[in-house]
């Protein structure tokens, strides 16, 4: 049984990829264990760093640490390759391959949103007249992930991703 509970209705909250970049779980380039990419030290008086703020990659397993100053962001685009984080270009931890393509997420909140959408038999999008309705995470999921016939496979993939977080 999937660790995700069944919900009857899903309403798109309007979240975009950018809403999930505050904290990104990645594969450590040093030891290949789980690492964390988070905003670096914020300037005085700034409580919420912007998308282009300095970032820090930290691995608690091997102690690896990398810093990245302000700069551009490269969002993942290739649907047939493993996803990478937008700041350091290292492989995301929360991902797995299926026969249709990759299921991936930046963090657990992102993965939860995808899981709630996929498991819901009734899915409500943002009204057509709302600005930016085609830019939400849910609207931009691949077509195969949105198909009911692939629901169980996607939910199994999400369960495998959750299992990768358990200590081995």
Protein backbone atom coordinates (compact mmCIF):
# COMPACT_ATOMS: atom_id res chain seq x y z
CA UNK A 1 0.00 0.00 0.00
CA UNK A 2 1.25 3.43 -0.87
CA UNK A 3 2.30 5.77 1.93
CA UNK A 4 0.12 8.40 0.27
CA UNK A 5 -3.48 8.55 1.45
CA UNK A 6 -6.25 8.68 -1.16
CA UNK A 7 -7.92 12.06 -1.63
CA UNK A 8 -11.02 12.56 -3.74
CA UNK A 9 -10.39 16.08 -5.06
CA UNK A 10 -7.30 18.09 -5.90
CA UNK A 11 -7.34 21.85 -6.46
CA UNK A 12 -4.25 23.36 -8.05
CA UNK A 13 -2.77 25.77 -5.47
CA UNK A 14 -0.99 27.67 -8.26
CA UNK A 15 2.53 26.80 -7.07
CA UNK A 16 5.41 27.11 -9.52
CA UNK A 17 8.84 25.45 -9.52
CA UNK A 18 10.25 28.62 -8.02
CA UNK A 19 8.15 28.13 -4.89
CA UNK A 20 10.13 24.98 -4.06
CA UNK A 21 13.69 26.26 -4.49
CA UNK A 22 14.17 27.46 -0.91
CA UNK A 23 15.45 24.00 0.07
CA UNK A 24 16.64 21.36 -2.42
CA UNK A 25 17.72 17.79 -1.61
CA UNK A 26 20.61 16.60 -3.79
CA UNK A 27 23.11 13.77 -4.13
CA UNK A 28 26.41 14.84 -2.54
CA UNK A 29 29.14 15.12 -5.20
CA UNK A 30 31.66 13.80 -2.65
CA UNK A 31 30.07 10.75 -1.02
CA UNK A 32 26.85 10.28 -3.04
CA UNK A 33 24.69 10.46 0.10
CA UNK A 34 21.91 12.97 0.65
CA UNK A 35 22.93 16.64 0.81
CA UNK A 36 21.05 19.90 1.13
CA UNK A 37 21.13 23.10 -0.94
CA UNK A 38 19.84 26.13 0.93
CA UNK A 39 20.21 29.89 0.78
CA UNK A 40 23.57 31.15 2.02
CA UNK A 41 23.88 33.86 4.63
CA UNK A 42 21.38 36.61 3.84
CA UNK A 43 22.32 40.27 3.99
CA UNK A 44 21.19 42.11 7.11
CA UNK A 45 17.49 42.92 7.10
CA UNK A 46 16.57 40.35 4.38
CA UNK A 47 14.29 37.60 5.69
CA UNK A 48 13.40 35.78 2.46
CA UNK A 49 16.28 35.42 -0.01
CA UNK A 50 15.43 35.78 -3.66
CA UNK A 51 15.79 33.16 -6.36
CA UNK A 52 19.24 34.43 -7.35
CA UNK A 53 20.65 34.74 -3.82
CA UNK A 54 23.86 32.99 -2.77
CA UNK A 55 23.42 29.26 -2.07
CA UNK A 56 25.25 26.71 0.03
CA UNK A 57 25.47 22.94 -0.56
CA UNK A 58 26.10 21.00 2.67
CA UNK A 59 26.49 17.26 3.25
CA UNK A 60 26.17 16.09 6.84
CA UNK A 61 27.62 12.69 5.98
CA UNK A 62 31.06 13.65 4.61
CA UNK A 63 31.16 17.32 5.58
CA UNK A 64 31.37 18.57 1.99
CA UNK A 65 30.39 22.19 1.58
CA UNK A 66 30.21 24.40 -1.49
CA UNK A 67 29.23 28.02 -1.80
CA UNK A 68 27.79 29.77 -4.80
CA UNK A 69 27.53 33.52 -5.03
CA UNK A 70 24.63 35.30 -6.65
CA UNK A 71 24.01 34.37 -10.25
CA UNK A 72 21.80 32.60 -12.75
CA UNK A 73 19.60 29.59 -12.25
CA UNK A 74 19.42 26.61 -14.62
CA UNK A 75 16.12 24.77 -14.31
CA UNK A 76 15.92 21.13 -15.41
CA UNK A 77 14.54 20.71 -18.94
CA UNK A 78 15.44 17.26 -20.36
CA UNK A 79 12.59 14.86 -19.60
CA UNK A 80 14.72 11.83 -20.57
CA UNK A 81 17.62 12.48 -18.20
CA UNK A 82 18.02 12.65 -14.42
CA UNK A 83 17.08 16.03 -12.95
CA UNK A 84 19.70 18.34 -11.50
CA UNK A 85 19.48 21.16 -9.00
CA UNK A 86 19.36 24.67 -10.48
CA UNK A 87 22.30 26.08 -8.52
CA UNK A 88 25.15 23.54 -8.51
CA UNK A 89 24.03 21.22 -11.31
CA UNK A 90 24.26 18.12 -9.11
CA UNK A 91 21.74 15.29 -9.33
CA UNK A 92 18.55 15.63 -7.29
CA UNK A 93 18.04 13.07 -4.52
CA UNK A 94 14.26 12.86 -4.88
CA UNK A 95 13.93 11.16 -8.25
CA UNK A 96 13.44 7.81 -9.90
CA UNK A 97 12.98 6.56 -13.42
CA UNK A 98 9.83 4.87 -14.70
CA UNK A 99 9.16 3.31 -18.11
CA UNK A 100 7.58 6.61 -19.22
CA UNK A 101 10.16 9.03 -17.87
CA UNK A 102 11.55 10.52 -14.67
CA UNK A 103 9.58 11.44 -11.55
CA UNK A 104 11.49 14.08 -9.60
CA UNK A 105 11.04 16.80 -7.00
CA UNK A 106 13.19 19.49 -5.41
CA UNK A 107 12.01 18.74 -1.85
CA UNK A 108 9.35 16.83 0.08
CA UNK A 109 6.74 19.58 -0.30
CA UNK A 110 7.19 19.46 -4.07
CA UNK A 111 6.92 15.65 -4.04
CA UNK A 112 3.81 15.83 -1.85
CA UNK A 113 2.11 18.22 -4.28
CA UNK A 114 2.80 15.89 -7.21
CA UNK A 115 1.57 12.89 -5.19
CA UNK A 116 -1.67 14.62 -4.15
CA UNK A 117 -2.35 15.57 -7.77
CA UNK A 118 -1.65 12.12 -9.20
CA UNK A 119 -3.71 10.20 -6.64
CA UNK A 120 -6.82 12.40 -6.92
CA UNK A 121 -9.56 11.12 -9.24
CA UNK A 122 -11.00 14.63 -9.53
CA UNK A 123 -8.45 17.30 -10.47
CA UNK A 124 -9.38 20.96 -10.65
CA UNK A 125 -7.02 23.30 -12.44
CA UNK A 126 -6.81 27.05 -12.10
CA UNK A 127 -9.64 28.84 -13.94
CA UNK A 128 -8.79 29.69 -17.55
CA UNK A 129 -8.97 33.44 -16.88
CA UNK A 130 -6.36 33.42 -14.10
CA UNK A 131 -2.97 34.83 -15.04
CA UNK A 132 -0.17 32.24 -15.14
CA UNK A 133 -2.41 29.18 -15.09
CA UNK A 134 -0.16 27.30 -17.51
CA UNK A 135 2.96 27.90 -15.44
CA UNK A 136 2.00 25.95 -12.30
CA UNK A 137 3.84 22.78 -11.29
CA UNK A 138 0.70 20.73 -11.89
CA UNK A 139 -0.05 22.26 -15.30
CA UNK A 140 3.51 21.57 -16.44
CA UNK A 141 3.66 17.90 -15.43
CA UNK A 142 4.26 15.58 -18.39
CA UNK A 143 1.11 14.22 -20.04
CA UNK A 144 1.94 10.61 -19.10
CA UNK A 145 1.98 11.57 -15.42
CA UNK A 146 -1.50 13.09 -15.68
CA UNK A 147 -3.09 10.00 -17.24
CA UNK A 148 -5.21 7.88 -14.91
CA UNK A 149 -3.84 4.67 -16.45
CA UNK A 150 -0.36 5.59 -15.12
CA UNK A 151 -1.55 6.61 -11.64
CA UNK A 152 -0.38 3.46 -9.86
CA UNK A 153 3.03 3.51 -11.54
CA UNK A 154 3.63 7.16 -10.58
CA UNK A 155 2.49 6.53 -7.00
CA UNK A 156 4.85 3.53 -6.76
CA UNK A 157 7.66 5.76 -8.01
CA UNK A 158 6.83 8.34 -5.32
CA UNK A 159 6.86 5.57 -2.70
CA UNK A 160 10.34 4.49 -3.94
CA UNK A 161 11.53 8.08 -3.64
CA UNK A 162 10.22 8.28 -0.05
CA UNK A 163 12.00 4.97 0.72
CA UNK A 164 15.31 6.50 -0.43
CA UNK A 165 15.11 8.86 2.56
CA UNK A 166 15.06 6.05 5.11
CA UNK A 167 18.39 5.18 6.73
CA UNK A 168 19.93 2.07 5.24
